[in-house]
Amino acid sequence: LGYALSTFNVQPMDLREFQRSFVKWQTFIEGTDGW
């Protein structure tokens, strides 16, 4: 969050964005056969 792995252009950390992204990748498998 706040930068790309291949770069060093770091933006300030936003905990709300962290939470939104965390929830997104926790829930994207619901109702599917993925993990």
PDB file of all heavy atoms in Angstrom:
ATOM      1  N   LEU A   1       0.832  -1.197   0.000  1.00  0.00           N
ATOM      2  CA  LEU A   1       0.000   0.000   0.000  1.00  0.00           C
ATOM      3  C   LEU A   1       0.871   1.253   0.000  1.00  0.00           C
ATOM      4  O   LEU A   1       1.774   1.405   0.818  1.00  0.00           O
ATOM      5  CB  LEU A   1      -0.887  -0.004   1.243  1.00  0.00           C
ATOM      6  CG  LEU A   1      -2.040   0.983   1.270  1.00  0.00           C
ATOM      7  CD1 LEU A   1      -3.069   0.601   0.207  1.00  0.00           C
ATOM      8  CD2 LEU A   1      -2.693   1.010   2.640  1.00  0.00           C
ATOM      9  N   GLY A   2       0.615   2.144  -0.952  1.00  0.00           N
ATOM     10  CA  GLY A   2       1.363   3.395  -1.014  1.00  0.00           C
ATOM     11  C   GLY A   2       2.590   3.355  -1.897  1.00  0.00           C
ATOM     12  O   GLY A   2       3.265   4.375  -2.079  1.00  0.00           O
ATOM     13  N   TYR A   3       2.891   2.196  -2.466  1.00  0.00           N
ATOM     14  CA  TYR A   3       4.008   2.108  -3.418  1.00  0.00           C
ATOM     15  C   TYR A   3       3.872   0.826  -4.228  1.00  0.00           C
ATOM     16  O   TYR A   3       3.084  -0.050  -3.893  1.00  0.00           O
ATOM     17  CB  TYR A   3       5.358   2.144  -2.702  1.00  0.00           C
ATOM     18  CG  TYR A   3       5.784   0.849  -2.035  1.00  0.00           C
ATOM     19  CD1 TYR A   3       6.825   0.088  -2.550  1.00  0.00           C
ATOM     20  CD2 TYR A   3       5.152   0.373  -0.880  1.00  0.00           C
ATOM     21  CE1 TYR A   3       7.226  -1.096  -1.944  1.00  0.00           C
ATOM     22  CE2 TYR A   3       5.549  -0.800  -0.274  1.00  0.00           C
ATOM     23  CZ  TYR A   3       6.592  -1.536  -0.811  1.00  0.00           C
ATOM     24  OH  TYR A   3       6.977  -2.709  -0.215  1.00  0.00           O
ATOM     25  N   ALA A   4       4.630   0.716  -5.315  1.00  0.00           N
ATOM     26  CA  ALA A   4       4.673  -0.512  -6.102  1.00  0.00           C
ATOM     27  C   ALA A   4       5.949  -1.256  -5.749  1.00  0.00           C
ATOM     28  O   ALA A   4       6.988  -0.641  -5.490  1.00  0.00           O
ATOM     29  CB  ALA A   4       4.642  -0.186  -7.591  1.00  0.00           C
ATOM     30  N   LEU A   5       5.875  -2.580  -5.754  1.00  0.00           N
ATOM     31  CA  LEU A   5       7.009  -3.387  -5.323  1.00  0.00           C
ATOM     32  C   LEU A   5       8.257  -3.089  -6.141  1.00  0.00           C
ATOM     33  O   LEU A   5       9.373  -3.190  -5.647  1.00  0.00           O
ATOM     34  CB  LEU A   5       6.656  -4.873  -5.423  1.00  0.00           C
ATOM     35  CG  LEU A   5       7.602  -5.853  -4.743  1.00  0.00           C
ATOM     36  CD1 LEU A   5       7.731  -5.556  -3.253  1.00  0.00           C
ATOM     37  CD2 LEU A   5       7.122  -7.282  -4.956  1.00  0.00           C
ATOM     38  N   SER A   6       8.095  -2.704  -7.397  1.00  0.00           N
ATOM     39  CA  SER A   6       9.243  -2.466  -8.264  1.00  0.00           C
ATOM     40  C   SER A   6       9.740  -1.024  -8.212  1.00  0.00           C
ATOM     41  O   SER A   6      10.639  -0.647  -8.957  1.00  0.00           O
ATOM     42  CB  SER A   6       8.877  -2.825  -9.709  1.00  0.00           C
ATOM     43  OG  SER A   6       7.746  -2.088 -10.132  1.00  0.00           O
ATOM     44  N   THR A   7       9.154  -0.195  -7.338  1.00  0.00           N
ATOM     45  CA  THR A   7       9.579   1.203  -7.245  1.00  0.00           C
ATOM     46  C   THR A   7       9.815   1.588  -5.797  1.00  0.00           C
ATOM     47  O   THR A   7       9.504   0.847  -4.883  1.00  0.00           O
ATOM     48  CB  THR A   7       8.514   2.148  -7.828  1.00  0.00           C
ATOM     49  OG1 THR A   7       7.418   2.241  -6.902  1.00  0.00           O
ATOM     50  CG2 THR A   7       8.012   1.662  -9.169  1.00  0.00           C
ATOM     51  N   PHE A   8      10.355   2.783  -5.610  1.00  0.00           N
ATOM     52  CA  PHE A   8      10.574   3.298  -4.258  1.00  0.00           C
ATOM     53  C   PHE A   8       9.810   4.605  -4.043  1.00  0.00           C
ATOM     54  O   PHE A   8      10.136   5.374  -3.150  1.00  0.00           O
ATOM     55  CB  PHE A   8      12.074   3.544  -4.027  1.00  0.00           C
ATOM     56  CG  PHE A   8      12.858   2.301  -3.755  1.00  0.00           C
ATOM     57  CD1 PHE A   8      13.289   1.494  -4.791  1.00  0.00           C
ATOM     58  CD2 PHE A   8      13.182   1.940  -2.462  1.00  0.00           C
ATOM     59  CE1 PHE A   8      14.030   0.349  -4.540  1.00  0.00           C
ATOM     60  CE2 PHE A   8      13.922   0.798  -2.196  1.00  0.00           C
ATOM     61  CZ  PHE A   8      14.345   0.004  -3.234  1.00  0.00           C
ATOM     62  N   ASN A   9       8.798   4.857  -4.852  1.00  0.00           N
ATOM     63  CA  ASN A   9       8.027   6.095  -4.734  1.00  0.00           C
ATOM     64  C   ASN A   9       6.940   5.897  -3.682  1.00  0.00           C
ATOM     65  O   ASN A   9       5.810   5.511  -3.978  1.00  0.00           O
ATOM     66  CB  ASN A   9       7.412   6.471  -6.085  1.00  0.00           C
ATOM     67  CG  ASN A   9       6.706   7.801  -6.038  1.00  0.00           C
ATOM     68  OD1 ASN A   9       6.969   8.633  -5.168  1.00  0.00           O
ATOM     69  ND2 ASN A   9       5.791   8.011  -6.966  1.00  0.00           N
ATOM     70  N   VAL A  10       7.277   6.150  -2.423  1.00  0.00           N
ATOM     71  CA  VAL A  10       6.421   5.788  -1.299  1.00  0.00           C
ATOM     72  C   VAL A  10       5.493   6.941  -0.914  1.00  0.00           C
ATOM     73  O   VAL A  10       5.945   8.067  -0.681  1.00  0.00           O
ATOM     74  CB  VAL A  10       7.264   5.389  -0.067  1.00  0.00           C
ATOM     75  CG1 VAL A  10       6.366   4.864   1.042  1.00  0.00           C
ATOM     76  CG2 VAL A  10       8.312   4.353  -0.452  1.00  0.00           C
ATOM     77  N   GLN A  11       4.201   6.628  -0.845  1.00  0.00           N
ATOM     78  CA  GLN A  11       3.198   7.593  -0.402  1.00  0.00           C
ATOM     79  C   GLN A  11       2.855   7.328   1.076  1.00  0.00           C
ATOM     80  O   GLN A  11       3.110   6.242   1.595  1.00  0.00           O
ATOM     81  CB  GLN A  11       1.931   7.469  -1.252  1.00  0.00           C
ATOM     82  CG  GLN A  11       2.180   7.652  -2.734  1.00  0.00           C
ATOM     83  CD  GLN A  11       2.816   8.990  -3.055  1.00  0.00           C
ATOM     84  OE1 GLN A  11       2.373  10.037  -2.556  1.00  0.00           O
ATOM     85  NE2 GLN A  11       3.861   8.977  -3.872  1.00  0.00           N
ATOM     86  N   PRO A  12       2.285   8.321   1.770  1.00  0.00           N
ATOM     87  CA  PRO A  12       1.953   8.126   3.190  1.00  0.00           C
ATOM     88  C   PRO A  12       1.018   6.946   3.417  1.00  0.00           C
ATOM     89  O   PRO A  12       0.138   6.665   2.603  1.00  0.00           O
ATOM     90  CB  PRO A  12       1.272   9.454   3.576  1.00  0.00           C
ATOM     91  CG  PRO A  12       1.797  10.451   2.582  1.00  0.00           C
ATOM     92  CD  PRO A  12       1.981   9.695   1.304  1.00  0.00           C
ATOM     93  N   MET A  13       1.221   6.249   4.538  1.00  0.00           N
ATOM     94  CA  MET A  13       0.381   5.102   4.894  1.00  0.00           C
ATOM     95  C   MET A  13      -1.011   5.569   5.326  1.00  0.00           C
ATOM     96  O   MET A  13      -1.145   6.510   6.093  1.00  0.00           O
ATOM     97  CB  MET A  13       1.047   4.326   6.029  1.00  0.00           C
ATOM     98  CG  MET A  13       0.212   3.208   6.612  1.00  0.00           C
ATOM     99  SD  MET A  13      -0.160   1.907   5.426  1.00  0.00           S
ATOM    100  CE  MET A  13       1.494   1.299   5.107  1.00  0.00           C
ATOM    101  N   ASP A  14      -2.026   4.909   4.808  1.00  0.00           N
ATOM    102  CA  ASP A  14      -3.418   5.215   5.152  1.00  0.00           C
ATOM    103  C   ASP A  14      -4.034   3.936   5.724  1.00  0.00           C
ATOM    104  O   ASP A  14      -4.278   2.975   4.989  1.00  0.00           O
ATOM    105  CB  ASP A  14      -4.180   5.673   3.910  1.00  0.00           C
ATOM    106  CG  ASP A  14      -5.593   6.142   4.230  1.00  0.00           C
ATOM    107  OD1 ASP A  14      -6.201   5.628   5.196  1.00  0.00           O
ATOM    108  OD2 ASP A  14      -6.108   7.019   3.500  1.00  0.00           O
ATOM    109  N   LEU A  15      -4.294   3.911   7.026  1.00  0.00           N
ATOM    110  CA  LEU A  15      -4.824   2.710   7.664  1.00  0.00           C
ATOM    111  C   LEU A  15      -6.211   2.337   7.146  1.00  0.00           C
ATOM    112  O   LEU A  15      -6.572   1.162   7.117  1.00  0.00           O
ATOM    113  CB  LEU A  15      -4.866   2.893   9.180  1.00  0.00           C
ATOM    114  CG  LEU A  15      -3.520   2.764   9.902  1.00  0.00           C
ATOM    115  CD1 LEU A  15      -3.684   3.078  11.379  1.00  0.00           C
ATOM    116  CD2 LEU A  15      -2.925   1.371   9.705  1.00  0.00           C
ATOM    117  N   ARG A  16      -6.990   3.322   6.725  1.00  0.00           N
ATOM    118  CA  ARG A  16      -8.312   2.999   6.189  1.00  0.00           C
ATOM    119  C   ARG A  16      -8.192   2.248   4.867  1.00  0.00           C
ATOM    120  O   ARG A  16      -8.945   1.309   4.598  1.00  0.00           O
ATOM    121  CB  ARG A  16      -9.136   4.281   6.018  1.00  0.00           C
ATOM    122  CG  ARG A  16      -9.621   4.862   7.342  1.00  0.00           C
ATOM    123  CD  ARG A  16     -10.143   6.254   7.211  1.00  0.00           C
ATOM    124  NE  ARG A  16      -9.097   7.204   6.853  1.00  0.00           N
ATOM    125  CZ  ARG A  16      -9.240   8.522   6.865  1.00  0.00           C
ATOM    126  NH1 ARG A  16     -10.399   9.058   7.217  1.00  0.00           N
ATOM    127  NH2 ARG A  16      -8.243   9.315   6.534  1.00  0.00           N
ATOM    128  N   GLU A  17      -7.221   2.674   4.034  1.00  0.00           N
ATOM    129  CA  GLU A  17      -6.985   1.955   2.787  1.00  0.00           C
ATOM    130  C   GLU A  17      -6.451   0.554   3.058  1.00  0.00           C
ATOM    131  O   GLU A  17      -6.786  -0.400   2.368  1.00  0.00           O
ATOM    132  CB  GLU A  17      -5.994   2.733   1.905  1.00  0.00           C
ATOM    133  CG  GLU A  17      -6.600   3.950   1.220  1.00  0.00           C
ATOM    134  CD  GLU A  17      -7.748   3.563   0.302  1.00  0.00           C
ATOM    135  OE1 GLU A  17      -7.630   2.565  -0.442  1.00  0.00           O
ATOM    136  OE2 GLU A  17      -8.793   4.244   0.344  1.00  0.00           O
ATOM    137  N   PHE A  18      -5.605   0.438   4.071  1.00  0.00           N
ATOM    138  CA  PHE A  18      -5.096  -0.872   4.476  1.00  0.00           C
ATOM    139  C   PHE A  18      -6.247  -1.801   4.834  1.00  0.00           C
ATOM    140  O   PHE A  18      -6.299  -2.958   4.387  1.00  0.00           O
ATOM    141  CB  PHE A  18      -4.144  -0.707   5.661  1.00  0.00           C
ATOM    142  CG  PHE A  18      -3.670  -2.004   6.265  1.00  0.00           C
ATOM    143  CD1 PHE A  18      -2.623  -2.705   5.701  1.00  0.00           C
ATOM    144  CD2 PHE A  18      -4.284  -2.525   7.396  1.00  0.00           C
ATOM    145  CE1 PHE A  18      -2.185  -3.905   6.243  1.00  0.00           C
ATOM    146  CE2 PHE A  18      -3.863  -3.716   7.955  1.00  0.00           C
ATOM    147  CZ  PHE A  18      -2.808  -4.406   7.376  1.00  0.00           C
ATOM    148  N   GLN A  19      -7.185  -1.314   5.618  1.00  0.00           N
ATOM    149  CA  GLN A  19      -8.318  -2.136   6.026  1.00  0.00           C
ATOM    150  C   GLN A  19      -9.201  -2.511   4.838  1.00  0.00           C
ATOM    151  O   GLN A  19      -9.651  -3.651   4.714  1.00  0.00           O
ATOM    152  CB  GLN A  19      -9.142  -1.404   7.085  1.00  0.00           C
ATOM    153  CG  GLN A  19      -8.421  -1.222   8.410  1.00  0.00           C
ATOM    154  CD  GLN A  19      -9.231  -0.421   9.402  1.00  0.00           C
ATOM    155  OE1 GLN A  19     -10.443  -0.564   9.490  1.00  0.00           O
ATOM    156  NE2 GLN A  19      -8.564   0.435  10.166  1.00  0.00           N
ATOM    157  N   ARG A  20      -9.457  -1.553   3.951  1.00  0.00           N
ATOM    158  CA  ARG A  20     -10.296  -1.841   2.784  1.00  0.00           C
ATOM    159  C   ARG A  20      -9.659  -2.926   1.909  1.00  0.00           C
ATOM    160  O   ARG A  20     -10.343  -3.842   1.432  1.00  0.00           O
ATOM    161  CB  ARG A  20     -10.541  -0.567   1.980  1.00  0.00           C
ATOM    162  CG  ARG A  20     -11.647   0.302   2.548  1.00  0.00           C
ATOM    163  CD  ARG A  20     -12.083   1.369   1.577  1.00  0.00           C
ATOM    164  NE  ARG A  20     -11.143   2.484   1.529  1.00  0.00           N
ATOM    165  CZ  ARG A  20     -11.217   3.567   2.305  1.00  0.00           C
ATOM    166  NH1 ARG A  20     -12.174   3.660   3.218  1.00  0.00           N
ATOM    167  NH2 ARG A  20     -10.342   4.542   2.194  1.00  0.00           N
ATOM    168  N   SER A  21      -8.361  -2.815   1.688  1.00  0.00           N
ATOM    169  CA  SER A  21      -7.670  -3.810   0.880  1.00  0.00           C
ATOM    170  C   SER A  21      -7.656  -5.164   1.573  1.00  0.00           C
ATOM    171  O   SER A  21      -7.864  -6.210   0.942  1.00  0.00           O
ATOM    172  CB  SER A  21      -6.241  -3.347   0.590  1.00  0.00           C
ATOM    173  OG  SER A  21      -5.539  -4.299  -0.161  1.00  0.00           O
ATOM    174  N   PHE A  22      -7.427  -5.163   2.884  1.00  0.00           N
ATOM    175  CA  PHE A  22      -7.404  -6.401   3.659  1.00  0.00           C
ATOM    176  C   PHE A  22      -8.752  -7.120   3.536  1.00  0.00           C
ATOM    177  O   PHE A  22      -8.809  -8.326   3.267  1.00  0.00           O
ATOM    178  CB  PHE A  22      -7.096  -6.076   5.119  1.00  0.00           C
ATOM    179  CG  PHE A  22      -6.751  -7.258   5.975  1.00  0.00           C
ATOM    180  CD1 PHE A  22      -5.435  -7.558   6.262  1.00  0.00           C
ATOM    181  CD2 PHE A  22      -7.744  -8.068   6.507  1.00  0.00           C
ATOM    182  CE1 PHE A  22      -5.105  -8.648   7.049  1.00  0.00           C
ATOM    183  CE2 PHE A  22      -7.436  -9.157   7.298  1.00  0.00           C
ATOM    184  CZ  PHE A  22      -6.108  -9.450   7.578  1.00  0.00           C
ATOM    185  N   VAL A  23      -9.830  -6.375   3.718  1.00  0.00           N
ATOM    186  CA  VAL A  23     -11.173  -6.965   3.635  1.00  0.00           C
ATOM    187  C   VAL A  23     -11.434  -7.498   2.230  1.00  0.00           C
ATOM    188  O   VAL A  23     -11.982  -8.595   2.048  1.00  0.00           O
ATOM    189  CB  VAL A  23     -12.239  -5.927   4.039  1.00  0.00           C
ATOM    190  CG1 VAL A  23     -13.646  -6.454   3.744  1.00  0.00           C
ATOM    191  CG2 VAL A  23     -12.099  -5.546   5.502  1.00  0.00           C
ATOM    192  N   LYS A  24     -11.036  -6.750   1.239  1.00  0.00           N
ATOM    193  CA  LYS A  24     -11.252  -7.148  -0.157  1.00  0.00           C
ATOM    194  C   LYS A  24     -10.663  -8.527  -0.444  1.00  0.00           C
ATOM    195  O   LYS A  24     -11.321  -9.398  -1.042  1.00  0.00           O
ATOM    196  CB  LYS A  24     -10.619  -6.100  -1.076  1.00  0.00           C
ATOM    197  CG  LYS A  24     -10.489  -6.496  -2.534  1.00  0.00           C
ATOM    198  CD  LYS A  24      -9.763  -5.392  -3.298  1.00  0.00           C
ATOM    199  CE  LYS A  24      -9.395  -5.810  -4.705  1.00  0.00           C
ATOM    200  NZ  LYS A  24      -8.683  -4.721  -5.422  1.00  0.00           N
ATOM    201  N   TRP A  25      -9.420  -8.757   0.018  1.00  0.00           N
ATOM    202  CA  TRP A  25      -8.755 -10.011  -0.298  1.00  0.00           C
ATOM    203  C   TRP A  25      -9.102 -11.128   0.687  1.00  0.00           C
ATOM    204  O   TRP A  25      -8.837 -12.290   0.410  1.00  0.00           O
ATOM    205  CB  TRP A  25      -7.249  -9.789  -0.369  1.00  0.00           C
ATOM    206  CG  TRP A  25      -6.878  -8.985  -1.573  1.00  0.00           C
ATOM    207  CD1 TRP A  25      -6.602  -7.642  -1.620  1.00  0.00           C
ATOM    208  CD2 TRP A  25      -6.789  -9.450  -2.911  1.00  0.00           C
ATOM    209  NE1 TRP A  25      -6.342  -7.244  -2.900  1.00  0.00           N
ATOM    210  CE2 TRP A  25      -6.450  -8.347  -3.725  1.00  0.00           C
ATOM    211  CE3 TRP A  25      -6.964 -10.689  -3.513  1.00  0.00           C
ATOM    212  CZ2 TRP A  25      -6.272  -8.451  -5.100  1.00  0.00           C
ATOM    213  CZ3 TRP A  25      -6.782 -10.805  -4.893  1.00  0.00           C
ATOM    214  CH2 TRP A  25      -6.438  -9.691  -5.665  1.00  0.00           C
ATOM    215  N   GLN A  26      -9.741 -10.789   1.799  1.00  0.00           N
ATOM    216  CA  GLN A  26     -10.294 -11.813   2.675  1.00  0.00           C
ATOM    217  C   GLN A  26     -11.623 -12.335   2.136  1.00  0.00           C
ATOM    218  O   GLN A  26     -11.959 -13.500   2.314  1.00  0.00           O
ATOM    219  CB  GLN A  26     -10.509 -11.247   4.083  1.00  0.00           C
ATOM    220  CG  GLN A  26      -9.257 -11.221   4.945  1.00  0.00           C
ATOM    221  CD  GLN A  26      -8.884 -12.608   5.453  1.00  0.00           C
ATOM    222  OE1 GLN A  26      -9.493 -13.145   6.364  1.00  0.00           O
ATOM    223  NE2 GLN A  26      -7.871 -13.187   4.834  1.00  0.00           N
ATOM    224  N   THR A  27     -12.372 -11.487   1.489  1.00  0.00           N
ATOM    225  CA  THR A  27     -13.733 -11.851   1.098  1.00  0.00           C
ATOM    226  C   THR A  27     -13.867 -12.252  -0.368  1.00  0.00           C
ATOM    227  O   THR A  27     -14.930 -12.742  -0.762  1.00  0.00           O
ATOM    228  CB  THR A  27     -14.699 -10.687   1.382  1.00  0.00           C
ATOM    229  OG1 THR A  27     -14.256  -9.510   0.683  1.00  0.00           O
ATOM    230  CG2 THR A  27     -14.749 -10.374   2.871  1.00  0.00           C
ATOM    231  N   PHE A  28     -12.838 -12.077  -1.192  1.00  0.00           N
ATOM    232  CA  PHE A  28     -13.019 -12.330  -2.629  1.00  0.00           C
ATOM    233  C   PHE A  28     -13.264 -13.803  -2.949  1.00  0.00           C
ATOM    234  O   PHE A  28     -13.766 -14.139  -4.019  1.00  0.00           O
ATOM    235  CB  PHE A  28     -11.820 -11.778  -3.426  1.00  0.00           C
ATOM    236  CG  PHE A  28     -10.709 -12.763  -3.698  1.00  0.00           C
ATOM    237  CD1 PHE A  28     -10.546 -13.331  -4.951  1.00  0.00           C
ATOM    238  CD2 PHE A  28      -9.794 -13.091  -2.705  1.00  0.00           C
ATOM    239  CE1 PHE A  28      -9.510 -14.222  -5.204  1.00  0.00           C
ATOM    240  CE2 PHE A  28      -8.755 -13.970  -2.953  1.00  0.00           C
ATOM    241  CZ  PHE A  28      -8.618 -14.548  -4.211  1.00  0.00           C
ATOM    242  N   ILE A  29     -12.967 -14.706  -2.005  1.00  0.00           N
ATOM    243  CA  ILE A  29     -13.178 -16.133  -2.252  1.00  0.00           C
ATOM    244  C   ILE A  29     -14.555 -16.610  -1.804  1.00  0.00           C
ATOM    245  O   ILE A  29     -14.919 -17.759  -2.056  1.00  0.00           O
ATOM    246  CB  ILE A  29     -12.101 -16.980  -1.550  1.00  0.00           C
ATOM    247  CG1 ILE A  29     -12.137 -16.764  -0.029  1.00  0.00           C
ATOM    248  CG2 ILE A  29     -10.726 -16.703  -2.127  1.00  0.00           C
ATOM    249  CD1 ILE A  29     -11.269 -17.729   0.755  1.00  0.00           C
ATOM    250  N   GLU A  30     -15.325 -15.770  -1.121  1.00  0.00           N
ATOM    251  CA  GLU A  30     -16.617 -16.212  -0.590  1.00  0.00           C
ATOM    252  C   GLU A  30     -17.546 -16.655  -1.724  1.00  0.00           C
ATOM    253  O   GLU A  30     -17.687 -15.975  -2.735  1.00  0.00           O
ATOM    254  CB  GLU A  30     -17.267 -15.096   0.230  1.00  0.00           C
ATOM    255  CG  GLU A  30     -16.557 -14.854   1.549  1.00  0.00           C
ATOM    256  CD  GLU A  30     -17.256 -13.828   2.423  1.00  0.00           C
ATOM    257  OE1 GLU A  30     -18.340 -13.344   2.010  1.00  0.00           O
ATOM    258  OE2 GLU A  30     -16.733 -13.515   3.498  1.00  0.00           O
ATOM    259  N   GLY A  31     -18.152 -17.831  -1.525  1.00  0.00           N
ATOM    260  CA  GLY A  31     -19.055 -18.367  -2.530  1.00  0.00           C
ATOM    261  C   GLY A  31     -18.362 -18.936  -3.746  1.00  0.00           C
ATOM    262  O   GLY A  31     -19.015 -19.187  -4.767  1.00  0.00           O
ATOM    263  N   THR A  32     -17.055 -19.141  -3.667  1.00  0.00           N
ATOM    264  CA  THR A  32     -16.290 -19.669  -4.796  1.00  0.00           C
ATOM    265  C   THR A  32     -15.559 -20.939  -4.358  1.00  0.00           C
ATOM    266  O   THR A  32     -15.607 -21.347  -3.203  1.00  0.00           O
ATOM    267  CB  THR A  32     -15.241 -18.648  -5.274  1.00  0.00           C
ATOM    268  OG1 THR A  32     -14.144 -18.622  -4.339  1.00  0.00           O
ATOM    269  CG2 THR A  32     -15.832 -17.254  -5.392  1.00  0.00           C
ATOM    270  N   ASP A  33     -14.824 -21.537  -5.296  1.00  0.00           N
ATOM    271  CA  ASP A  33     -13.983 -22.690  -4.972  1.00  0.00           C
ATOM    272  C   ASP A  33     -12.510 -22.282  -4.911  1.00  0.00           C
ATOM    273  O   ASP A  33     -11.611 -23.109  -5.057  1.00  0.00           O
ATOM    274  CB  ASP A  33     -14.185 -23.814  -5.997  1.00  0.00           C
ATOM    275  CG  ASP A  33     -13.745 -23.413  -7.397  1.00  0.00           C
ATOM    276  OD1 ASP A  33     -13.465 -22.210  -7.630  1.00  0.00           O
ATOM    277  OD2 ASP A  33     -13.669 -24.287  -8.276  1.00  0.00           O
ATOM    278  N   GLY A  34     -12.260 -20.987  -4.689  1.00  0.00           N
ATOM    279  CA  GLY A  34     -10.891 -20.494  -4.608  1.00  0.00           C
ATOM    280  C   GLY A  34     -10.395 -20.436  -3.173  1.00  0.00           C
ATOM    281  O   GLY A  34     -11.143 -20.682  -2.220  1.00  0.00           O
ATOM    282  N   TRP A  35      -9.138 -20.084  -3.017  1.00  0.00           N
ATOM    283  CA  TRP A  35      -8.537 -19.981  -1.686  1.00  0.00           C
ATOM    284  C   TRP A  35      -7.630 -18.762  -1.648  1.00  0.00           C
ATOM    285  O   TRP A  35      -7.230 -18.220  -2.683  1.00  0.00           O
ATOM    286  CB  TRP A  35      -7.775 -21.259  -1.334  1.00  0.00           C
ATOM    287  CG  TRP A  35      -7.419 -21.374   0.120  1.00  0.00           C
ATOM    288  CD1 TRP A  35      -6.174 -21.474   0.659  1.00  0.00           C
ATOM    289  CD2 TRP A  35      -8.337 -21.378   1.229  1.00  0.00           C
ATOM    290  NE1 TRP A  35      -6.243 -21.540   2.031  1.00  0.00           N
ATOM    291  CE2 TRP A  35      -7.566 -21.490   2.397  1.00  0.00           C
ATOM    292  CE3 TRP A  35      -9.725 -21.292   1.327  1.00  0.00           C
ATOM    293  CZ2 TRP A  35      -8.142 -21.516   3.676  1.00  0.00           C
ATOM    294  CZ3 TRP A  35     -10.298 -21.323   2.593  1.00  0.00           C
ATOM    295  CH2 TRP A  35      -9.515 -21.438   3.750  1.00  0.00           C
TER     296      TRP A  35
END
